[in-house]
C-alpha atoms as a PDB file:
ATOM      1  CA  MET A   1      40.033   0.070  82.093  1.00  0.00           C
ATOM      2  CA  PRO A   2      39.057   4.305  81.775  1.00  0.00           C
ATOM      3  CA  ARG A   3      35.710   4.356  79.007  1.00  0.00           C
ATOM      4  CA  LEU A   4      37.997   6.929  77.218  1.00  0.00           C
ATOM      5  CA  LEU A   5      40.695   4.408  76.647  1.00  0.00           C
ATOM      6  CA  ALA A   6      39.019   0.985  76.093  1.00  0.00           C
ATOM      7  CA  PHE A   7      36.857   2.902  73.533  1.00  0.00           C
ATOM      8  CA  THR A   8      40.550   4.116  72.079  1.00  0.00           C
ATOM      9  CA  LEU A   9      41.784   0.604  71.666  1.00  0.00           C
ATOM     10  CA  LEU A  10      38.569  -0.319  70.248  1.00  0.00           C
ATOM     11  CA  VAL A  11      39.246   2.041  67.367  1.00  0.00           C
ATOM     12  CA  TYR A  12      42.511   1.792  66.589  1.00  0.00           C
ATOM     13  CA  GLY A  13      42.111  -2.196  67.449  1.00  0.00           C
ATOM     14  CA  LEU A  14      45.246  -1.694  69.373  1.00  0.00           C
ATOM     15  CA  SER A  15      46.977  -2.842  72.313  1.00  0.00           C
ATOM     16  CA  PRO A  16      47.510  -0.989  75.234  1.00  0.00           C
ATOM     17  CA  SER A  17      51.204  -0.734  74.006  1.00  0.00           C
ATOM     18  CA  GLY A  18      50.037   0.432  70.980  1.00  0.00           C
ATOM     19  CA  LEU A  19      47.892   3.212  72.731  1.00  0.00           C
ATOM     20  CA  ALA A  20      51.048   6.302  73.102  1.00  0.00           C
ATOM     21  CA  HIS A  21      51.939   6.696  69.630  1.00  0.00           C
ATOM     22  CA  ALA A  22      48.470   6.312  67.953  1.00  0.00           C
ATOM     23  CA  ASP A  23      47.287   8.818  69.972  1.00  0.00           C
ATOM     24  CA  LYS A  24      50.175  11.261  69.342  1.00  0.00           C
ATOM     25  CA  ASP A  25      49.551  10.176  65.730  1.00  0.00           C
ATOM     26  CA  ALA A  26      45.914  11.362  66.173  1.00  0.00           C
ATOM     27  CA  VAL A  27      46.454  14.409  68.126  1.00  0.00           C
ATOM     28  CA  GLN A  28      48.990  15.503  65.081  1.00  0.00           C
ATOM     29  CA  ALA A  29      46.371  14.695  62.769  1.00  0.00           C
ATOM     30  CA  ARG A  30      44.276  16.702  64.096  1.00  0.00           C
ATOM     31  CA  ALA A  31      46.626  19.354  64.696  1.00  0.00           C
ATOM     32  CA  HIS A  32      47.396  20.193  60.895  1.00  0.00           C
ATOM     33  CA  MET A  33      43.553  19.330  59.953  1.00  0.00           C
ATOM     34  CA  VAL A  34      43.221  23.107  62.372  1.00  0.00           C
ATOM     35  CA  GLN A  35      45.570  24.609  61.082  1.00  0.00           C
ATOM     36  CA  LEU A  36      45.818  24.143  57.580  1.00  0.00           C
ATOM     37  CA  GLN A  37      42.098  23.571  56.722  1.00  0.00           C
ATOM     38  CA  ILE A  38      40.005  25.933  59.471  1.00  0.00           C
ATOM     39  CA  VAL A  39      43.170  28.771  60.528  1.00  0.00           C
ATOM     40  CA  ALA A  40      44.216  28.752  57.100  1.00  0.00           C
ATOM     41  CA  ARG A  41      40.651  29.320  55.930  1.00  0.00           C
ATOM     42  CA  GLY A  42      39.650  32.248  58.544  1.00  0.00           C
ATOM     43  CA  ILE A  43      38.298  30.830  61.210  1.00  0.00           C
ATOM     44  CA  ARG A  44      40.859  31.944  64.892  1.00  0.00           C
ATOM     45  CA  ASP A  45      37.644  30.804  66.916  1.00  0.00           C
ATOM     46  CA  PRO A  46      39.724  30.356  69.604  1.00  0.00           C
ATOM     47  CA  GLY A  47      36.961  28.273  71.323  1.00  0.00           C
ATOM     48  CA  VAL A  48      36.276  26.468  67.535  1.00  0.00           C
ATOM     49  CA  LEU A  49      39.650  25.747  67.309  1.00  0.00           C
ATOM     50  CA  ARG A  50      40.101  24.001  70.658  1.00  0.00           C
ATOM     51  CA  ALA A  51      37.451  21.898  70.060  1.00  0.00           C
ATOM     52  CA  MET A  52      38.175  21.142  66.403  1.00  0.00           C
ATOM     53  CA  SER A  53      41.606  20.008  67.889  1.00  0.00           C
ATOM     54  CA  LYS A  54      39.995  17.399  71.145  1.00  0.00           C
ATOM     55  CA  VAL A  55      37.552  15.408  68.770  1.00  0.00           C
ATOM     56  CA  PRO A  56      38.930  13.077  67.688  1.00  0.00           C
ATOM     57  CA  ARG A  57      37.027  12.952  64.332  1.00  0.00           C
ATOM     58  CA  HIS A  58      38.325   9.392  63.523  1.00  0.00           C
ATOM     59  CA  ALA A  59      36.022   8.032  66.174  1.00  0.00           C
ATOM     60  CA  PHE A  60      33.294   9.408  64.145  1.00  0.00           C
ATOM     61  CA  VAL A  61      33.692   7.276  60.921  1.00  0.00           C
ATOM     62  CA  PRO A  62      33.394   4.003  60.119  1.00  0.00           C
ATOM     63  CA  ALA A  63      36.864   1.824  60.501  1.00  0.00           C
ATOM     64  CA  ALA A  64      36.562   1.505  56.091  1.00  0.00           C
ATOM     65  CA  GLN A  65      37.401   5.174  56.438  1.00  0.00           C
ATOM     66  CA  ARG A  66      39.619   6.160  59.531  1.00  0.00           C
ATOM     67  CA  GLY A  67      42.478   6.660  57.153  1.00  0.00           C
ATOM     68  CA  ARG A  68      40.983   9.570  55.790  1.00  0.00           C
ATOM     69  CA  ALA A  69      39.151  10.756  58.815  1.00  0.00           C
ATOM     70  CA  TYR A  70      41.325  14.023  59.076  1.00  0.00           C
ATOM     71  CA  ALA A  71      41.171  14.585  55.654  1.00  0.00           C
ATOM     72  CA  ASP A  72      39.571  17.736  53.949  1.00  0.00           C
ATOM     73  CA  ARG A  73      36.210  16.141  52.689  1.00  0.00           C
ATOM     74  CA  PRO A  74      33.325  14.509  53.759  1.00  0.00           C
ATOM     75  CA  LEU A  75      33.153  11.022  54.458  1.00  0.00           C
ATOM     76  CA  PRO A  76      30.311   8.397  53.850  1.00  0.00           C
ATOM     77  CA  ILE A  77      28.997   6.616  57.240  1.00  0.00           C
ATOM     78  CA  GLY A  78      26.791   4.663  55.596  1.00  0.00           C
ATOM     79  CA  HIS A  79      22.572   4.124  55.092  1.00  0.00           C
ATOM     80  CA  GLY A  80      23.089   6.839  52.132  1.00  0.00           C
ATOM     81  CA  GLN A  81      24.586   9.956  54.704  1.00  0.00           C
ATOM     82  CA  THR A  82      28.194  11.487  55.205  1.00  0.00           C
ATOM     83  CA  ILE A  83      29.820  13.390  58.047  1.00  0.00           C
ATOM     84  CA  SER A  84      30.773  16.951  57.402  1.00  0.00           C
ATOM     85  CA  GLN A  85      34.234  18.108  55.583  1.00  0.00           C
ATOM     86  CA  PRO A  86      36.351  19.605  59.017  1.00  0.00           C
ATOM     87  CA  TYR A  87      36.482  23.355  57.832  1.00  0.00           C
ATOM     88  CA  ILE A  88      31.796  23.077  57.123  1.00  0.00           C
ATOM     89  CA  VAL A  89      31.492  21.975  61.204  1.00  0.00           C
ATOM     90  CA  ALA A  90      34.493  24.766  61.978  1.00  0.00           C
ATOM     91  CA  LEU A  91      32.533  27.373  59.959  1.00  0.00           C
ATOM     92  CA  MET A  92      29.127  26.538  60.672  1.00  0.00           C
ATOM     93  CA  THR A  93      30.121  26.189  64.835  1.00  0.00           C
ATOM     94  CA  HIS A  94      31.536  29.308  64.266  1.00  0.00           C
ATOM     95  CA  LEU A  95      28.487  30.789  62.728  1.00  0.00           C
ATOM     96  CA  GLY A  96      26.225  29.386  65.742  1.00  0.00           C
ATOM     97  CA  ARG A  97      28.317  31.083  68.458  1.00  0.00           C
ATOM     98  CA  PRO A  98      27.854  28.545  71.100  1.00  0.00           C
ATOM     99  CA  HIS A  99      29.288  29.398  74.830  1.00  0.00           C
ATOM    100  CA  ARG A 100      28.311  28.128  78.012  1.00  0.00           C
ATOM    101  CA  GLY A 101      25.597  28.364  78.694  1.00  0.00           C
ATOM    102  CA  SER A 102      23.859  28.066  75.106  1.00  0.00           C
ATOM    103  CA  LYS A 103      21.266  25.177  74.708  1.00  0.00           C
ATOM    104  CA  VAL A 104      21.974  23.705  71.223  1.00  0.00           C
ATOM    105  CA  LEU A 105      19.777  21.691  68.546  1.00  0.00           C
ATOM    106  CA  ASP A 106      21.869  19.619  66.248  1.00  0.00           C
ATOM    107  CA  VAL A 107      19.313  18.223  62.898  1.00  0.00           C
ATOM    108  CA  GLY A 108      20.861  15.380  61.357  1.00  0.00           C
ATOM    109  CA  THR A 109      23.161  14.076  64.066  1.00  0.00           C
ATOM    110  CA  GLY A 110      24.691  11.464  61.357  1.00  0.00           C
ATOM    111  CA  SER A 111      27.041   9.467  63.903  1.00  0.00           C
ATOM    112  CA  GLY A 112      27.290  12.972  65.998  1.00  0.00           C
ATOM    113  CA  TYR A 113      30.477  14.321  65.151  1.00  0.00           C
ATOM    114  CA  GLN A 114      28.822  17.731  65.485  1.00  0.00           C
ATOM    115  CA  ALA A 115      26.708  17.167  68.360  1.00  0.00           C
ATOM    116  CA  ALA A 116      30.815  16.641  70.141  1.00  0.00           C
ATOM    117  CA  VAL A 117      32.318  19.512  68.789  1.00  0.00           C
ATOM    118  CA  LEU A 118      29.283  21.764  69.971  1.00  0.00           C
ATOM    119  CA  ALA A 119      29.006  19.786  73.246  1.00  0.00           C
ATOM    120  CA  GLU A 120      32.664  20.981  74.237  1.00  0.00           C
ATOM    121  CA  LEU A 121      31.855  24.976  74.006  1.00  0.00           C
ATOM    122  CA  ALA A 122      28.403  24.568  75.120  1.00  0.00           C
ATOM    123  CA  ASP A 123      25.628  23.532  78.365  1.00  0.00           C
ATOM    124  CA  SER A 124      23.478  21.200  76.253  1.00  0.00           C
ATOM    125  CA  VAL A 125      23.153  19.324  73.035  1.00  0.00           C
ATOM    126  CA  TYR A 126      20.609  17.692  72.270  1.00  0.00           C
ATOM    127  CA  GLY A 127      20.462  15.775  68.022  1.00  0.00           C
ATOM    128  CA  ILE A 128      17.890  14.226  66.143  1.00  0.00           C
ATOM    129  CA  GLU A 129      18.913  12.333  63.808  1.00  0.00           C
ATOM    130  CA  ILE A 130      15.683  10.867  61.126  1.00  0.00           C
ATOM    131  CA  ILE A 131      17.748   6.889  60.727  1.00  0.00           C
ATOM    132  CA  CYS A 132      17.396   5.424  64.212  1.00  0.00           C
ATOM    133  CA  PRO A 133      20.554   2.641  63.070  1.00  0.00           C
ATOM    134  CA  LEU A 134      22.881   6.316  62.801  1.00  0.00           C
ATOM    135  CA  ALA A 135      20.482   8.092  66.428  1.00  0.00           C
ATOM    136  CA  ASP A 136      21.810   4.433  68.180  1.00  0.00           C
ATOM    137  CA  SER A 137      25.101   4.044  67.058  1.00  0.00           C
ATOM    138  CA  ALA A 138      26.097   8.190  67.872  1.00  0.00           C
ATOM    139  CA  ARG A 139      24.077   8.119  70.831  1.00  0.00           C
ATOM    140  CA  SER A 140      26.222   4.481  72.218  1.00  0.00           C
ATOM    141  CA  ARG A 141      29.666   6.286  71.094  1.00  0.00           C
ATOM    142  CA  LEU A 142      29.134   9.362  72.595  1.00  0.00           C
ATOM    143  CA  ASN A 143      28.244   7.856  75.432  1.00  0.00           C
ATOM    144  CA  GLN A 144      31.742   6.231  75.123  1.00  0.00           C
ATOM    145  CA  LEU A 145      33.431   9.477  75.057  1.00  0.00           C
ATOM    146  CA  GLY A 146      31.979  10.904  78.087  1.00  0.00           C
ATOM    147  CA  TYR A 147      29.829  13.284  76.487  1.00  0.00           C
ATOM    148  CA  GLU A 148      26.988  13.816  79.791  1.00  0.00           C
ATOM    149  CA  ASN A 149      25.828  16.707  78.059  1.00  0.00           C
ATOM    150  CA  VAL A 150      24.648  15.430  74.663  1.00  0.00           C
ATOM    151  CA  THR A 151      21.521  13.467  74.401  1.00  0.00           C
ATOM    152  CA  ILE A 152      20.244  12.380  71.057  1.00  0.00           C
ATOM    153  CA  ARG A 153      16.749  10.429  69.525  1.00  0.00           C
ATOM    154  CA  CYS A 154      15.587   9.156  66.554  1.00  0.00           C
ATOM    155  CA  GLY A 155      13.122  11.919  64.594  1.00  0.00           C
ATOM    156  CA  ASP A 156      12.574  13.877  61.985  1.00  0.00           C
ATOM    157  CA  GLY A 157      14.163  17.008  62.454  1.00  0.00           C
ATOM    158  CA  TYR A 158      11.996  18.786  60.696  1.00  0.00           C
ATOM    159  CA  GLU A 159       9.906  19.794  63.701  1.00  0.00           C
ATOM    160  CA  GLY A 160      12.121  20.188  66.179  1.00  0.00           C
ATOM    161  CA  TRP A 161      12.493  18.937  69.743  1.00  0.00           C
ATOM    162  CA  PRO A 162       9.601  21.439  71.398  1.00  0.00           C
ATOM    163  CA  GLU A 163       9.825  19.465  74.606  1.00  0.00           C
ATOM    164  CA  HIS A 164      13.668  21.072  75.107  1.00  0.00           C
ATOM    165  CA  ALA A 165      12.785  24.675  73.676  1.00  0.00           C
ATOM    166  CA  PRO A 166      13.927  27.118  73.372  1.00  0.00           C
ATOM    167  CA  PHE A 167      16.722  26.832  72.029  1.00  0.00           C
ATOM    168  CA  ASP A 168      20.311  29.635  71.371  1.00  0.00           C
ATOM    169  CA  LEU A 169      21.360  27.481  68.761  1.00  0.00           C
ATOM    170  CA  ILE A 170      20.355  25.301  66.082  1.00  0.00           C
ATOM    171  CA  ILE A 171      22.318  23.584  63.370  1.00  0.00           C
ATOM    172  CA  LEU A 172      21.399  21.593  60.231  1.00  0.00           C
ATOM    173  CA  ALA A 173      23.281  18.598  58.443  1.00  0.00           C
ATOM    174  CA  ALA A 174      21.256  18.623  55.654  1.00  0.00           C
ATOM    175  CA  ALA A 175      19.592  20.874  53.683  1.00  0.00           C
ATOM    176  CA  PRO A 176      16.025  21.425  52.671  1.00  0.00           C
ATOM    177  CA  PRO A 177      14.191  23.382  50.382  1.00  0.00           C
ATOM    178  CA  GLU A 178      13.316  25.984  52.278  1.00  0.00           C
ATOM    179  CA  VAL A 179      13.321  26.840  56.052  1.00  0.00           C
ATOM    180  CA  PRO A 180      11.402  24.392  58.580  1.00  0.00           C
ATOM    181  CA  PRO A 181       9.341  26.983  61.121  1.00  0.00           C
ATOM    182  CA  ALA A 182       9.245  24.823  63.869  1.00  0.00           C
ATOM    183  CA  LEU A 183      12.791  26.210  64.031  1.00  0.00           C
ATOM    184  CA  LEU A 184      12.811  29.334  63.854  1.00  0.00           C
ATOM    185  CA  ALA A 185       9.720  29.521  66.330  1.00  0.00           C
ATOM    186  CA  GLN A 186      12.160  27.630  68.698  1.00  0.00           C
ATOM    187  CA  LEU A 187      14.564  29.925  68.711  1.00  0.00           C
ATOM    188  CA  ALA A 188      15.095  32.018  71.474  1.00  0.00           C
ATOM    189  CA  PRO A 189      15.673  35.625  71.550  1.00  0.00           C
ATOM    190  CA  GLY A 190      18.599  36.106  70.265  1.00  0.00           C
ATOM    191  CA  GLY A 191      19.437  32.618  69.111  1.00  0.00           C
ATOM    192  CA  ARG A 192      20.583  30.996  66.181  1.00  0.00           C
ATOM    193  CA  LEU A 193      20.162  29.048  63.242  1.00  0.00           C
ATOM    194  CA  VAL A 194      22.360  27.995  60.954  1.00  0.00           C
ATOM    195  CA  LEU A 195      21.433  25.605  58.262  1.00  0.00           C
ATOM    196  CA  PRO A 196      21.974  25.036  53.968  1.00  0.00           C
ATOM    197  CA  VAL A 197      19.072  25.906  51.984  1.00  0.00           C
ATOM    198  CA  GLY A 198      17.594  24.845  48.303  1.00  0.00           C
ATOM    199  CA  LYS A 199      17.476  21.598  46.093  1.00  0.00           C
ATOM    200  CA  GLU A 200      20.708  21.773  43.580  1.00  0.00           C
ATOM    201  CA  GLN A 201      22.080  24.639  44.261  1.00  0.00           C
ATOM    202  CA  GLN A 202      22.414  25.001  48.200  1.00  0.00           C
ATOM    203  CA  GLN A 203      23.597  27.886  50.449  1.00  0.00           C
ATOM    204  CA  LEU A 204      24.726  28.383  53.940  1.00  0.00           C
ATOM    205  CA  VAL A 205      22.367  30.504  55.467  1.00  0.00           C
ATOM    206  CA  VAL A 206      22.493  32.201  59.334  1.00  0.00           C
ATOM    207  CA  TYR A 207      18.867  33.269  60.837  1.00  0.00           C
ATOM    208  CA  GLU A 208      19.481  35.025  63.874  1.00  0.00           C
ATOM    209  CA  LYS A 209      16.007  35.996  65.988  1.00  0.00           C
ATOM    210  CA  GLN A 210      15.820  39.355  67.398  1.00  0.00           C
ATOM    211  CA  ARG A 211      14.621  40.199  70.807  1.00  0.00           C
ATOM    212  CA  THR A 212      11.498  41.666  69.667  1.00  0.00           C
ATOM    213  CA  GLY A 213      10.934  38.481  67.699  1.00  0.00           C
ATOM    214  CA  GLY A 214      12.010  39.734  64.563  1.00  0.00           C
ATOM    215  CA  LEU A 215      14.686  37.955  61.739  1.00  0.00           C
ATOM    216  CA  ILE A 216      17.850  38.868  60.171  1.00  0.00           C
ATOM    217  CA  LYS A 217      19.432  36.691  57.045  1.00  0.00           C
ATOM    218  CA  THR A 218      22.795  36.740  56.529  1.00  0.00           C
ATOM    219  CA  GLY A 219      24.218  34.178  53.634  1.00  0.00           C
ATOM    220  CA  HIS A 220      27.310  32.540  53.436  1.00  0.00           C
ATOM    221  CA  GLU A 221      28.982  30.103  51.044  1.00  0.00           C
ATOM    222  CA  GLU A 222      27.692  27.806  48.619  1.00  0.00           C
ATOM    223  CA  VAL A 223      27.590  24.368  50.233  1.00  0.00           C
ATOM    224  CA  ARG A 224      27.199  20.471  49.250  1.00  0.00           C
ATOM    225  CA  PHE A 225      24.958  18.490  52.149  1.00  0.00           C
ATOM    226  CA  VAL A 226      22.400  15.471  51.826  1.00  0.00           C
ATOM    227  CA  PRO A 227      18.881  16.659  51.155  1.00  0.00           C
ATOM    228  CA  MET A 228      16.965  16.925  54.181  1.00  0.00           C
ATOM    229  CA  THR A 229      14.341  13.531  54.364  1.00  0.00           C
ATOM    230  CA  GLY A 230      11.021  13.515  56.677  1.00  0.00           C
ATOM    231  CA  LYS A 231       8.224  15.711  56.249  1.00  0.00           C
ATOM    232  CA  VAL A 232      10.170  18.739  55.298  1.00  0.00           C
ATOM    233  CA  GLN A 233       9.326  16.976  51.996  1.00  0.00           C
ATOM    234  CA  GLU A 234       5.741  18.175  51.900  1.00  0.00           C
ATOM    235  CA  SER A 235       6.540  21.498  53.004  1.00  0.00           C
ATOM    236  CA  THR A 236       6.264  24.700  50.121  1.00  0.00           C
ATOM    237  CA  VAL A 237       7.250  26.941  53.126  1.00  0.00           C
ATOM    238  CA  SER A 238       8.828  30.235  51.626  1.00  0.00           C
ATOM    239  CA  ASP A 239      11.241  32.722  52.897  1.00  0.00           C
ATOM    240  CA  PRO A 240      10.424  33.596  56.531  1.00  0.00           C
ATOM    241  CA  THR A 241      11.861  36.741  57.021  1.00  0.00           C
ATOM    242  CA  LYS A 242      10.462  37.749  53.326  1.00  0.00           C
ATOM    243  CA  ARG A 243       6.549  36.748  55.156  1.00  0.00           C
ATOM    244  CA  ASP A 244       7.051  37.945  59.277  1.00  0.00           C
ATOM    245  CA  SER A 245      10.365  40.675  58.778  1.00  0.00           C
ATOM    246  CA  PRO A 246      10.493  42.319  55.885  1.00  0.00           C
ATOM    247  CA  LYS A 247      12.697  44.774  56.056  1.00  0.00           C
ATOM    248  CA  ALA A 248      15.162  42.228  57.967  1.00  0.00           C
ATOM    249  CA  GLU A 249      16.797  40.933  55.382  1.00  0.00           C
ATOM    250  CA  LYS A 250      20.821  42.002  54.516  1.00  0.00           C
END
């Protein structure tokens, strides 16, 4: 039995005779999600819409949450963590501009949903998750779904993954109070860092590294993510655009 078929049966608890109906329901749910939550809010990037339409979000949430898998909301995935709402995943992917040839770092991989969306668009995705049971389950889940271009490890994403740097895109799914300097250092020229920044009040921010090494910072909407944990809690880093490239911020 093919891996994806076996995994779909496991997710739904179905016999093979019930598979066609479940597949149809899931495809319709994703189509509604894309149209009502993503396109309706202005995201029209064909690649992002295709990836969001394809990745089975229900496979990335606990069994008790599968009935809400395509709702416009974050959902708990255990260990005090959440899977981001679909619109936020689509927005961060859109802002990151992954494409064929891209190497991507996904910090705060969680259940692996964002990594799967990125894997539909990029050549390779490296995911770091600080909670080892989540990293292990994400790795297993992505393997079962056939994502051979994703590598997951348990670790502290504050320092990135220097062995595989530089990255064309780095995405964070947890909010540091300040921007981790190692992640900026691991961006390739022309690369983008997309992350929520802040404590009580968080803003979605994009840093783009120029060919000269300078940084352009662009602020987007207010968001609410779980706080980044680990070594970031020891940091007192200031805004890198103000320190390294005073004229780059806009």
